[in-house]
Amino acid sequence: MPEIDWNVENTRVLCQLFAEQVARGNRPNTHLNSVGFAEVEKGLRDRLGILATKAQIKNKWDKLKKDFKAWKKLLLRQTETGWCPIKGTIIMNEEWWKKARADIPECGKFKKIGLQNSDELKKCFADIINIGVDHLSPHMANPSNTGGTKPNVTEPEQCDRDTPEDEVGGNYVDTSQFEQESPFNPNGKRPPTRVDDKGKKPKTDV
């Protein structure tokens, strides 16, 4: 069986097929069942003319799962970061990325462009991966943490000036989807944490 070209479009369709099967209940554990894999094979053949084996589809499933896990870990790594809405990824210096790659070997690709097909991948993997939040500091584990310096959303022309066109594997990537992927709101701050007044003792005059 020839190797499949998992370019941007082929991967996008595959992720849609995966998400459809998960929604239909054909992922009983960490992988699709035989019905799910058969439906994905048929979908690839009908929509893209790609003849893929179950092994090839499973290998891509595992690869996408690793990418999703690495991306989620990267977003939890630090709050004092910039965010590029054009590339849909974190803007930090080379030293920061060097340390990130040492801790999360699969995250290097996200320096250039953020996770693609994130909505579909979330449906597939969000409830079956463990990103080790229990082992992180409270500052890293709580995305709504409002303490310390707030991250900034970098101006589009600044974060995109080094690459006039984002490409992955020679294929143009539509980056319009990424603006909504930012974990920060438009003014560069994370959403405020709601404080519940219940349980506070009333003040009394002495």
N, C-alpha and C. Protein backbone atom coordinates (compact mmCIF):
# COMPACT_ATOMS: atom_id res chain seq x y z
N MET A 1 0.85 -1.20 0.00
CA MET A 1 0.00 0.00 0.00
C MET A 1 0.88 1.25 0.00
N PRO A 2 0.70 2.15 -0.97
CA PRO A 2 1.54 3.35 -1.04
C PRO A 2 1.32 4.26 0.16
N GLU A 3 2.35 5.04 0.47
CA GLU A 3 2.25 5.98 1.58
C GLU A 3 1.26 7.09 1.24
N ILE A 4 0.49 7.50 2.22
CA ILE A 4 -0.53 8.53 2.01
C ILE A 4 0.06 9.92 2.23
N ASP A 5 -0.29 10.84 1.36
CA ASP A 5 0.14 12.23 1.51
C ASP A 5 -0.84 12.93 2.45
N TRP A 6 -0.46 13.03 3.71
CA TRP A 6 -1.34 13.70 4.68
C TRP A 6 -1.11 15.20 4.62
N ASN A 7 -1.47 15.80 3.50
CA ASN A 7 -1.35 17.25 3.39
C ASN A 7 -2.48 17.92 4.15
N VAL A 8 -2.56 19.24 4.07
CA VAL A 8 -3.52 20.00 4.87
C VAL A 8 -4.96 19.57 4.58
N GLU A 9 -5.31 19.47 3.30
CA GLU A 9 -6.70 19.15 2.94
C GLU A 9 -7.04 17.71 3.32
N ASN A 10 -6.15 16.77 3.03
CA ASN A 10 -6.42 15.37 3.36
C ASN A 10 -6.56 15.18 4.87
N THR A 11 -5.72 15.87 5.62
CA THR A 11 -5.79 15.76 7.08
C THR A 11 -7.07 16.39 7.61
N ARG A 12 -7.48 17.50 7.00
CA ARG A 12 -8.72 18.16 7.42
C ARG A 12 -9.92 17.23 7.26
N VAL A 13 -10.01 16.57 6.11
CA VAL A 13 -11.11 15.64 5.86
C VAL A 13 -11.04 14.45 6.80
N LEU A 14 -9.84 13.94 7.03
CA LEU A 14 -9.69 12.81 7.94
C LEU A 14 -10.16 13.18 9.35
N CYS A 15 -9.81 14.35 9.82
CA CYS A 15 -10.24 14.78 11.15
C CYS A 15 -11.76 14.90 11.23
N GLN A 16 -12.38 15.36 10.16
CA GLN A 16 -13.83 15.43 10.13
C GLN A 16 -14.44 14.03 10.22
N LEU A 17 -13.85 13.09 9.49
CA LEU A 17 -14.34 11.71 9.52
C LEU A 17 -14.17 11.11 10.91
N PHE A 18 -13.04 11.36 11.54
CA PHE A 18 -12.81 10.86 12.90
C PHE A 18 -13.87 11.41 13.85
N ALA A 19 -14.08 12.73 13.79
CA ALA A 19 -15.03 13.37 14.70
C ALA A 19 -16.45 12.83 14.48
N GLU A 20 -16.81 12.57 13.24
CA GLU A 20 -18.13 12.02 12.93
C GLU A 20 -18.33 10.66 13.59
N GLN A 21 -17.29 9.83 13.53
CA GLN A 21 -17.40 8.50 14.11
C GLN A 21 -17.44 8.54 15.63
N VAL A 22 -16.70 9.45 16.22
CA VAL A 22 -16.75 9.60 17.68
C VAL A 22 -18.15 10.04 18.11
N ALA A 23 -18.74 10.96 17.35
CA ALA A 23 -20.09 11.44 17.67
C ALA A 23 -21.12 10.32 17.54
N ARG A 24 -20.84 9.35 16.69
CA ARG A 24 -21.77 8.22 16.51
C ARG A 24 -21.55 7.11 17.53
N GLY A 25 -20.61 7.31 18.42
CA GLY A 25 -20.36 6.31 19.45
C GLY A 25 -19.45 5.18 19.03
N ASN A 26 -18.67 5.41 17.97
CA ASN A 26 -17.78 4.35 17.47
C ASN A 26 -16.35 4.47 18.00
N ARG A 27 -16.20 5.12 19.14
CA ARG A 27 -14.91 5.14 19.84
C ARG A 27 -15.17 4.71 21.28
N PRO A 28 -15.24 3.40 21.52
CA PRO A 28 -15.60 2.91 22.85
C PRO A 28 -14.52 3.12 23.89
N ASN A 29 -13.26 3.27 23.46
CA ASN A 29 -12.17 3.49 24.41
C ASN A 29 -11.21 4.53 23.85
N THR A 30 -9.97 4.15 23.61
CA THR A 30 -8.99 5.12 23.12
C THR A 30 -8.87 5.15 21.60
N HIS A 31 -9.50 4.21 20.93
CA HIS A 31 -9.46 4.15 19.46
C HIS A 31 -10.86 3.87 18.92
N LEU A 32 -11.02 4.09 17.63
CA LEU A 32 -12.27 3.72 16.98
C LEU A 32 -12.44 2.20 17.00
N ASN A 33 -13.68 1.76 16.97
CA ASN A 33 -13.92 0.33 16.83
C ASN A 33 -13.87 -0.06 15.35
N SER A 34 -14.11 -1.32 15.07
CA SER A 34 -13.99 -1.80 13.69
C SER A 34 -14.97 -1.09 12.75
N VAL A 35 -16.16 -0.78 13.26
CA VAL A 35 -17.15 -0.07 12.45
C VAL A 35 -16.64 1.34 12.13
N GLY A 36 -16.09 2.00 13.14
CA GLY A 36 -15.58 3.35 12.94
C GLY A 36 -14.45 3.40 11.93
N PHE A 37 -13.50 2.48 12.04
CA PHE A 37 -12.39 2.45 11.09
C PHE A 37 -12.89 2.16 9.67
N ALA A 38 -13.85 1.25 9.55
CA ALA A 38 -14.40 0.93 8.23
C ALA A 38 -15.08 2.14 7.61
N GLU A 39 -15.80 2.92 8.43
CA GLU A 39 -16.48 4.10 7.92
C GLU A 39 -15.48 5.18 7.50
N VAL A 40 -14.39 5.31 8.25
CA VAL A 40 -13.37 6.28 7.87
C VAL A 40 -12.69 5.86 6.57
N GLU A 41 -12.40 4.57 6.42
CA GLU A 41 -11.83 4.06 5.16
C GLU A 41 -12.74 4.41 4.00
N LYS A 42 -14.03 4.18 4.17
CA LYS A 42 -15.00 4.46 3.11
C LYS A 42 -15.06 5.97 2.83
N GLY A 43 -15.04 6.77 3.89
CA GLY A 43 -15.09 8.22 3.72
C GLY A 43 -13.90 8.77 2.95
N LEU A 44 -12.72 8.26 3.27
CA LEU A 44 -11.52 8.70 2.55
C LEU A 44 -11.60 8.32 1.07
N ARG A 45 -12.13 7.14 0.82
CA ARG A 45 -12.24 6.68 -0.57
C ARG A 45 -13.28 7.51 -1.33
N ASP A 46 -14.42 7.78 -0.69
CA ASP A 46 -15.50 8.49 -1.37
C ASP A 46 -15.20 9.99 -1.53
N ARG A 47 -14.62 10.61 -0.51
CA ARG A 47 -14.42 12.06 -0.53
C ARG A 47 -13.11 12.48 -1.18
N LEU A 48 -12.09 11.64 -1.03
CA LEU A 48 -10.77 12.05 -1.53
C LEU A 48 -10.17 11.09 -2.54
N GLY A 49 -10.78 9.94 -2.73
CA GLY A 49 -10.21 8.93 -3.62
C GLY A 49 -8.98 8.28 -3.04
N ILE A 50 -8.82 8.32 -1.72
CA ILE A 50 -7.66 7.73 -1.06
C ILE A 50 -8.00 6.33 -0.57
N LEU A 51 -7.17 5.38 -0.93
CA LEU A 51 -7.32 4.01 -0.45
C LEU A 51 -6.37 3.82 0.72
N ALA A 52 -6.92 3.72 1.91
CA ALA A 52 -6.12 3.61 3.12
C ALA A 52 -6.47 2.34 3.87
N THR A 53 -5.48 1.74 4.50
CA THR A 53 -5.71 0.56 5.32
C THR A 53 -6.06 0.98 6.74
N LYS A 54 -6.58 0.04 7.51
CA LYS A 54 -6.88 0.33 8.90
C LYS A 54 -5.61 0.72 9.66
N ALA A 55 -4.49 0.05 9.34
CA ALA A 55 -3.22 0.35 10.01
C ALA A 55 -2.78 1.79 9.73
N GLN A 56 -2.92 2.24 8.48
CA GLN A 56 -2.54 3.61 8.14
C GLN A 56 -3.41 4.63 8.85
N ILE A 57 -4.70 4.35 8.94
CA ILE A 57 -5.62 5.26 9.60
C ILE A 57 -5.34 5.29 11.10
N LYS A 58 -5.08 4.12 11.69
CA LYS A 58 -4.78 4.06 13.12
C LYS A 58 -3.48 4.81 13.44
N ASN A 59 -2.48 4.67 12.58
CA ASN A 59 -1.22 5.38 12.79
C ASN A 59 -1.43 6.89 12.78
N LYS A 60 -2.28 7.36 11.88
CA LYS A 60 -2.55 8.80 11.81
C LYS A 60 -3.36 9.24 13.02
N TRP A 61 -4.29 8.41 13.47
CA TRP A 61 -5.05 8.71 14.69
C TRP A 61 -4.09 8.91 15.86
N ASP A 62 -3.14 7.98 16.02
CA ASP A 62 -2.17 8.07 17.12
C ASP A 62 -1.30 9.32 17.01
N LYS A 63 -0.94 9.68 15.78
CA LYS A 63 -0.10 10.87 15.56
C LYS A 63 -0.89 12.14 15.91
N LEU A 64 -2.12 12.22 15.49
CA LEU A 64 -2.95 13.38 15.80
C LEU A 64 -3.22 13.49 17.30
N LYS A 65 -3.36 12.36 17.95
CA LYS A 65 -3.57 12.36 19.40
C LYS A 65 -2.34 12.92 20.11
N LYS A 66 -1.14 12.55 19.65
CA LYS A 66 0.09 13.09 20.23
C LYS A 66 0.19 14.59 20.01
N ASP A 67 -0.18 15.04 18.82
CA ASP A 67 -0.14 16.47 18.52
C ASP A 67 -1.10 17.24 19.43
N PHE A 68 -2.30 16.70 19.60
CA PHE A 68 -3.30 17.37 20.45
C PHE A 68 -2.81 17.45 21.89
N LYS A 69 -2.23 16.36 22.37
CA LYS A 69 -1.72 16.33 23.75
C LYS A 69 -0.58 17.33 23.93
N ALA A 70 0.34 17.38 22.98
CA ALA A 70 1.46 18.32 23.05
C ALA A 70 0.97 19.76 23.03
N TRP A 71 -0.03 20.05 22.22
CA TRP A 71 -0.58 21.39 22.12
C TRP A 71 -1.22 21.82 23.44
N LYS A 72 -2.00 20.94 24.04
CA LYS A 72 -2.63 21.28 25.31
C LYS A 72 -1.59 21.50 26.40
N LYS A 73 -0.54 20.70 26.41
CA LYS A 73 0.53 20.90 27.38
C LYS A 73 1.22 22.24 27.16
N LEU A 74 1.40 22.59 25.89
CA LEU A 74 2.08 23.84 25.57
C LEU A 74 1.28 25.04 26.07
N LEU A 75 -0.03 24.99 25.90
CA LEU A 75 -0.88 26.10 26.34
C LEU A 75 -0.88 26.25 27.85
N LEU A 76 -0.66 25.15 28.56
CA LEU A 76 -0.63 25.20 30.01
C LEU A 76 0.74 25.57 30.57
N ARG A 77 1.73 25.61 29.70
CA ARG A 77 3.11 25.74 30.18
C ARG A 77 3.38 27.04 30.92
N GLN A 78 2.85 28.16 30.41
CA GLN A 78 3.17 29.45 31.02
C GLN A 78 2.10 30.46 30.64
N THR A 79 1.77 31.35 31.58
CA THR A 79 0.76 32.37 31.27
C THR A 79 1.37 33.65 30.74
N GLU A 80 2.62 33.89 31.02
CA GLU A 80 3.25 35.15 30.60
C GLU A 80 3.77 35.03 29.17
N THR A 81 2.83 34.90 28.24
CA THR A 81 3.19 34.71 26.84
C THR A 81 2.43 35.66 25.95
N GLY A 82 2.97 35.87 24.74
CA GLY A 82 2.25 36.59 23.72
C GLY A 82 1.49 35.60 22.85
N TRP A 83 0.49 36.10 22.15
CA TRP A 83 -0.32 35.22 21.29
C TRP A 83 -0.47 35.86 19.93
N CYS A 84 -0.18 35.10 18.88
CA CYS A 84 -0.31 35.59 17.51
C CYS A 84 -1.63 35.10 16.92
N PRO A 85 -2.59 35.98 16.66
CA PRO A 85 -3.86 35.55 16.09
C PRO A 85 -3.76 35.13 14.63
N ILE A 86 -2.68 35.53 13.95
CA ILE A 86 -2.51 35.12 12.55
C ILE A 86 -2.05 33.67 12.47
N LYS A 87 -1.03 33.33 13.25
CA LYS A 87 -0.49 31.97 13.22
C LYS A 87 -1.19 31.05 14.21
N GLY A 88 -1.97 31.63 15.12
CA GLY A 88 -2.67 30.83 16.08
C GLY A 88 -1.74 30.11 17.04
N THR A 89 -0.67 30.79 17.45
CA THR A 89 0.28 30.13 18.33
C THR A 89 0.94 31.13 19.27
N ILE A 90 1.73 30.60 20.20
CA ILE A 90 2.41 31.41 21.21
C ILE A 90 3.59 32.13 20.59
N ILE A 91 3.77 33.39 20.97
CA ILE A 91 4.92 34.17 20.54
C ILE A 91 5.87 34.36 21.72
N MET A 92 6.99 33.66 21.67
CA MET A 92 8.02 33.79 22.70
C MET A 92 9.38 33.67 22.03
N ASN A 93 10.44 34.01 22.78
CA ASN A 93 11.77 33.99 22.20
C ASN A 93 12.30 32.57 22.06
N GLU A 94 13.46 32.45 21.41
CA GLU A 94 14.02 31.13 21.10
C GLU A 94 14.37 30.35 22.35
N GLU A 95 14.81 31.04 23.39
CA GLU A 95 15.16 30.36 24.63
C GLU A 95 13.94 29.69 25.26
N TRP A 96 12.80 30.39 25.22
CA TRP A 96 11.56 29.82 25.76
C TRP A 96 11.17 28.56 24.99
N TRP A 97 11.26 28.65 23.66
CA TRP A 97 10.90 27.50 22.84
C TRP A 97 11.88 26.34 23.02
N LYS A 98 13.14 26.65 23.24
CA LYS A 98 14.12 25.60 23.47
C LYS A 98 13.78 24.80 24.71
N LYS A 99 13.39 25.50 25.76
CA LYS A 99 13.00 24.82 26.99
C LYS A 99 11.69 24.05 26.80
N ALA A 100 10.77 24.64 26.04
CA ALA A 100 9.49 23.97 25.80
C ALA A 100 9.70 22.67 25.03
N ARG A 101 10.57 22.71 24.03
CA ARG A 101 10.84 21.49 23.24
C ARG A 101 11.52 20.42 24.08
N ALA A 102 12.32 20.83 25.05
CA ALA A 102 12.98 19.87 25.92
C ALA A 102 11.97 19.14 26.80
N ASP A 103 10.95 19.86 27.24
CA ASP A 103 9.92 19.27 28.10
C ASP A 103 8.82 18.59 27.30
N ILE A 104 8.52 19.12 26.12
CA ILE A 104 7.44 18.58 25.28
C ILE A 104 8.01 18.37 23.88
N PRO A 105 8.67 17.25 23.63
CA PRO A 105 9.39 17.05 22.36
C PRO A 105 8.56 17.28 21.10
N GLU A 106 7.26 17.02 21.17
CA GLU A 106 6.42 17.13 19.97
C GLU A 106 5.93 18.54 19.69
N CYS A 107 6.30 19.52 20.53
CA CYS A 107 5.70 20.85 20.40
C CYS A 107 6.43 21.78 19.45
N GLY A 108 7.61 21.41 18.95
CA GLY A 108 8.40 22.30 18.13
C GLY A 108 7.67 22.82 16.91
N LYS A 109 6.84 21.98 16.31
CA LYS A 109 6.12 22.38 15.10
C LYS A 109 5.17 23.55 15.34
N PHE A 110 4.75 23.72 16.60
CA PHE A 110 3.78 24.76 16.91
C PHE A 110 4.40 26.14 17.04
N LYS A 111 5.70 26.23 16.90
CA LYS A 111 6.32 27.55 16.91
C LYS A 111 5.93 28.30 15.63
N LYS A 112 5.77 27.59 14.55
CA LYS A 112 5.45 28.21 13.26
C LYS A 112 3.95 28.45 13.09
N ILE A 113 3.16 27.48 13.51
CA ILE A 113 1.72 27.60 13.34
C ILE A 113 1.04 26.70 14.36
N GLY A 114 -0.11 27.14 14.86
CA GLY A 114 -0.79 26.41 15.91
C GLY A 114 -1.47 25.14 15.43
N LEU A 115 -2.14 24.47 16.37
CA LEU A 115 -2.82 23.22 16.07
C LEU A 115 -3.94 23.44 15.06
N GLN A 116 -3.94 22.65 14.01
CA GLN A 116 -4.99 22.71 13.01
C GLN A 116 -6.10 21.73 13.35
N ASN A 117 -7.30 22.00 12.84
CA ASN A 117 -8.46 21.12 13.03
C ASN A 117 -8.74 20.89 14.52
N SER A 118 -8.55 21.94 15.30
CA SER A 118 -8.63 21.78 16.76
C SER A 118 -10.03 21.38 17.24
N ASP A 119 -11.07 21.88 16.60
CA ASP A 119 -12.42 21.52 17.03
C ASP A 119 -12.68 20.03 16.89
N GLU A 120 -12.27 19.47 15.75
CA GLU A 120 -12.47 18.05 15.52
C GLU A 120 -11.60 17.21 16.46
N LEU A 121 -10.36 17.64 16.65
CA LEU A 121 -9.45 16.88 17.52
C LEU A 121 -9.91 16.92 18.97
N LYS A 122 -10.50 18.03 19.37
CA LYS A 122 -11.03 18.11 20.73
C LYS A 122 -12.14 17.09 20.93
N LYS A 123 -13.00 16.94 19.94
CA LYS A 123 -14.08 15.95 20.03
C LYS A 123 -13.52 14.54 20.13
N CYS A 124 -12.40 14.31 19.45
CA CYS A 124 -11.83 12.96 19.41
C CYS A 124 -11.06 12.62 20.68
N PHE A 125 -10.31 13.59 21.23
CA PHE A 125 -9.32 13.25 22.25
C PHE A 125 -9.45 13.93 23.60
N ALA A 126 -10.24 14.98 23.70
CA ALA A 126 -10.24 15.77 24.94
C ALA A 126 -10.57 14.95 26.17
N ASP A 127 -11.44 13.95 26.03
CA ASP A 127 -11.86 13.19 27.20
C ASP A 127 -11.06 11.91 27.41
N ILE A 128 -10.02 11.67 26.60
CA ILE A 128 -9.26 10.43 26.76
C ILE A 128 -7.77 10.65 26.94
N ILE A 129 -7.34 11.91 27.05
CA ILE A 129 -5.92 12.16 27.25
C ILE A 129 -5.68 12.69 28.65
N ASN A 130 -4.49 12.44 29.15
CA ASN A 130 -4.06 12.96 30.44
C ASN A 130 -2.82 13.80 30.20
N ILE A 131 -2.95 15.10 30.46
CA ILE A 131 -1.80 15.98 30.22
C ILE A 131 -1.05 16.29 31.49
N GLY A 132 -1.32 15.51 32.54
CA GLY A 132 -0.54 15.62 33.75
C GLY A 132 -0.73 16.91 34.51
N VAL A 133 -1.94 17.48 34.48
CA VAL A 133 -2.20 18.72 35.18
C VAL A 133 -1.95 18.57 36.67
N ASP A 134 -2.20 17.36 37.20
CA ASP A 134 -2.01 17.15 38.63
C ASP A 134 -0.57 17.36 39.06
N HIS A 135 0.35 17.25 38.10
CA HIS A 135 1.76 17.38 38.42
C HIS A 135 2.29 18.79 38.14
N LEU A 136 1.43 19.68 37.69
CA LEU A 136 1.85 21.04 37.40
C LEU A 136 1.60 21.92 38.61
N SER A 137 2.24 23.06 38.61
CA SER A 137 1.99 24.00 39.68
C SER A 137 0.60 24.58 39.51
N PRO A 138 -0.01 25.10 40.60
CA PRO A 138 -1.35 25.69 40.46
C PRO A 138 -1.38 26.80 39.42
N HIS A 139 -0.29 27.56 39.30
CA HIS A 139 -0.22 28.66 38.34
C HIS A 139 -0.36 28.14 36.92
N MET A 140 0.25 26.96 36.64
CA MET A 140 0.20 26.39 35.30
C MET A 140 -1.09 25.63 35.07
N ALA A 141 -1.61 25.00 36.11
CA ALA A 141 -2.75 24.10 35.93
C ALA A 141 -4.06 24.84 35.76
N ASN A 142 -4.16 26.07 36.24
CA ASN A 142 -5.40 26.81 36.18
C ASN A 142 -5.36 27.87 35.09
N PRO A 143 -5.96 27.59 33.91
CA PRO A 143 -5.92 28.55 32.81
C PRO A 143 -6.58 29.88 33.16
N SER A 144 -7.43 29.91 34.18
CA SER A 144 -8.11 31.15 34.55
C SER A 144 -7.35 31.93 35.61
N ASN A 145 -6.15 31.48 35.95
CA ASN A 145 -5.36 32.17 36.96
C ASN A 145 -5.13 33.62 36.54
N THR A 146 -5.50 34.55 37.39
CA THR A 146 -5.36 35.95 37.02
C THR A 146 -4.20 36.63 37.73
N GLY A 147 -3.39 35.86 38.46
CA GLY A 147 -2.28 36.46 39.17
C GLY A 147 -1.10 36.72 38.26
N GLY A 148 -0.29 37.70 38.62
CA GLY A 148 0.94 37.96 37.86
C GLY A 148 0.68 38.77 36.60
N THR A 149 1.70 38.83 35.75
CA THR A 149 1.62 39.59 34.50
C THR A 149 0.73 38.88 33.51
N LYS A 150 -0.11 39.61 32.85
CA LYS A 150 -1.03 39.02 31.89
C LYS A 150 -0.37 38.88 30.53
N PRO A 151 -0.70 37.79 29.80
CA PRO A 151 -0.15 37.62 28.46
C PRO A 151 -0.76 38.62 27.49
N ASN A 152 -0.05 38.89 26.42
CA ASN A 152 -0.50 39.87 25.45
C ASN A 152 -0.83 39.22 24.12
N VAL A 153 -1.82 39.77 23.45
CA VAL A 153 -2.11 39.37 22.08
C VAL A 153 -1.28 40.26 21.17
N THR A 154 -0.37 39.64 20.44
CA THR A 154 0.53 40.40 19.59
C THR A 154 -0.19 40.92 18.36
N GLU A 155 0.15 42.12 17.93
CA GLU A 155 -0.46 42.68 16.72
C GLU A 155 -0.18 41.77 15.53
N PRO A 156 -1.18 41.53 14.67
CA PRO A 156 -1.01 40.62 13.53
C PRO A 156 0.19 40.94 12.66
N GLU A 157 0.40 42.24 12.35
CA GLU A 157 1.51 42.58 11.47
C GLU A 157 2.85 42.29 12.12
N GLN A 158 2.89 42.31 13.45
CA GLN A 158 4.14 42.04 14.15
C GLN A 158 4.44 40.55 14.18
N CYS A 159 3.45 39.74 14.50
CA CYS A 159 3.71 38.32 14.65
C CYS A 159 3.83 37.61 13.31
N ASP A 160 3.35 38.26 12.22
CA ASP A 160 3.37 37.60 10.93
C ASP A 160 4.42 38.17 9.99
N ARG A 161 5.21 39.11 10.44
CA ARG A 161 6.08 39.81 9.51
C ARG A 161 7.23 38.94 9.00
N ASP A 162 7.57 37.88 9.77
CA ASP A 162 8.71 37.06 9.34
C ASP A 162 8.33 36.03 8.29
N THR A 163 7.04 35.70 8.17
CA THR A 163 6.61 34.74 7.17
C THR A 163 5.39 35.29 6.45
N PRO A 164 5.53 35.75 5.19
CA PRO A 164 4.41 36.34 4.48
C PRO A 164 3.27 35.37 4.24
N GLU A 165 3.59 34.07 4.30
CA GLU A 165 2.55 33.08 4.04
C GLU A 165 2.85 31.85 4.87
N ASP A 166 1.89 31.41 5.67
CA ASP A 166 2.08 30.22 6.48
C ASP A 166 1.87 28.98 5.63
N GLU A 167 2.83 28.08 5.69
CA GLU A 167 2.74 26.85 4.93
C GLU A 167 3.09 25.68 5.81
N VAL A 168 2.45 24.56 5.59
CA VAL A 168 2.79 23.31 6.25
C VAL A 168 2.91 22.25 5.17
N GLY A 169 4.10 21.69 5.03
CA GLY A 169 4.31 20.68 4.01
C GLY A 169 4.05 21.18 2.61
N GLY A 170 4.30 22.48 2.37
CA GLY A 170 4.14 23.03 1.04
C GLY A 170 2.71 23.39 0.70
N ASN A 171 1.79 23.28 1.65
CA ASN A 171 0.40 23.60 1.38
C ASN A 171 -0.01 24.83 2.15
N TYR A 172 -0.69 25.75 1.48
CA TYR A 172 -1.13 26.97 2.13
C TYR A 172 -2.14 26.65 3.22
N VAL A 173 -1.99 27.30 4.34
CA VAL A 173 -2.88 27.07 5.46
C VAL A 173 -3.77 28.29 5.66
N ASP A 174 -5.07 28.07 5.69
CA ASP A 174 -6.00 29.15 5.99
C ASP A 174 -5.94 29.40 7.50
N THR A 175 -5.37 30.55 7.88
CA THR A 175 -5.18 30.83 9.30
C THR A 175 -6.35 31.59 9.91
N SER A 176 -7.44 31.77 9.18
CA SER A 176 -8.56 32.53 9.71
C SER A 176 -9.21 31.84 10.90
N GLN A 177 -9.00 30.51 11.01
CA GLN A 177 -9.61 29.76 12.11
C GLN A 177 -8.91 30.01 13.42
N PHE A 178 -7.68 30.50 13.39
CA PHE A 178 -6.86 30.50 14.58
C PHE A 178 -7.21 31.58 15.59
N GLU A 179 -7.79 32.69 15.14
CA GLU A 179 -8.05 33.79 16.05
C GLU A 179 -8.92 33.34 17.22
N GLN A 180 -9.87 32.43 16.94
CA GLN A 180 -10.74 31.97 18.01
C GLN A 180 -10.05 30.96 18.91
N GLU A 181 -8.86 30.49 18.52
CA GLU A 181 -8.17 29.51 19.32
C GLU A 181 -7.36 30.13 20.45
N SER A 182 -7.22 31.45 20.45
CA SER A 182 -6.43 32.09 21.49
C SER A 182 -7.02 31.82 22.86
N PRO A 183 -6.18 31.43 23.84
CA PRO A 183 -6.70 31.21 25.19
C PRO A 183 -6.92 32.51 25.92
N PHE A 184 -6.66 33.66 25.26
CA PHE A 184 -6.80 34.96 25.88
C PHE A 184 -7.90 35.73 25.19
N ASN A 185 -8.47 36.73 25.88
CA ASN A 185 -9.46 37.57 25.23
C ASN A 185 -8.76 38.68 24.45
N PRO A 186 -9.49 39.46 23.63
CA PRO A 186 -8.85 40.41 22.71
C PRO A 186 -7.95 41.44 23.36
N ASN A 187 -8.14 41.77 24.65
CA ASN A 187 -7.27 42.77 25.26
C ASN A 187 -6.03 42.16 25.87
N GLY A 188 -5.79 40.87 25.56
CA GLY A 188 -4.56 40.24 26.00
C GLY A 188 -4.63 39.64 27.38
N LYS A 189 -5.82 39.60 27.99
CA LYS A 189 -5.93 39.06 29.33
C LYS A 189 -6.77 37.80 29.34
N ARG A 190 -6.45 36.91 30.26
CA ARG A 190 -7.29 35.74 30.43
C ARG A 190 -8.60 36.17 31.09
N PRO A 191 -9.68 35.41 30.87
CA PRO A 191 -10.96 35.76 31.49
C PRO A 191 -10.82 35.81 33.01
N PRO A 192 -11.45 36.78 33.68
CA PRO A 192 -11.33 36.89 35.14
C PRO A 192 -11.96 35.71 35.84
N THR A 193 -11.40 35.34 36.94
CA THR A 193 -11.94 34.26 37.74
C THR A 193 -13.10 34.78 38.58
N ARG A 194 -14.21 34.07 38.56
CA ARG A 194 -15.39 34.48 39.32
C ARG A 194 -15.17 34.17 40.79
N VAL A 195 -15.43 35.15 41.62
CA VAL A 195 -15.27 34.97 43.06
C VAL A 195 -16.64 34.85 43.69
N ASP A 196 -16.84 33.79 44.43
CA ASP A 196 -18.12 33.54 45.08
C ASP A 196 -18.09 34.14 46.48
N ASP A 197 -19.04 35.01 46.79
CA ASP A 197 -19.07 35.66 48.08
C ASP A 197 -19.63 34.77 49.19
N LYS A 198 -20.16 33.62 48.79
CA LYS A 198 -20.74 32.74 49.80
C LYS A 198 -19.66 32.24 50.74
N GLY A 199 -20.00 32.10 51.96
CA GLY A 199 -19.07 31.54 52.92
C GLY A 199 -18.30 32.60 53.66
N LYS A 200 -18.33 33.85 53.21
CA LYS A 200 -17.63 34.92 53.91
C LYS A 200 -18.40 35.34 55.16
N LYS A 201 -17.68 35.55 56.23
CA LYS A 201 -18.32 35.98 57.46
C LYS A 201 -18.64 37.47 57.39
N PRO A 202 -19.81 37.86 57.82
CA PRO A 202 -20.15 39.31 57.80
C PRO A 202 -19.31 40.07 58.80
N LYS A 203 -18.98 41.30 58.44
CA LYS A 203 -18.21 42.13 59.35
C LYS A 203 -19.11 42.63 60.46
N THR A 204 -18.55 42.71 61.65
CA THR A 204 -19.32 43.20 62.79
C THR A 204 -18.60 44.37 63.40
N ASP A 205 -19.35 45.31 63.92
CA ASP A 205 -18.76 46.48 64.57
C ASP A 205 -18.26 46.11 65.95
N VAL A 206 -17.08 46.60 66.31
CA VAL A 206 -16.48 46.31 67.62
C VAL A 206 -16.82 47.44 68.59
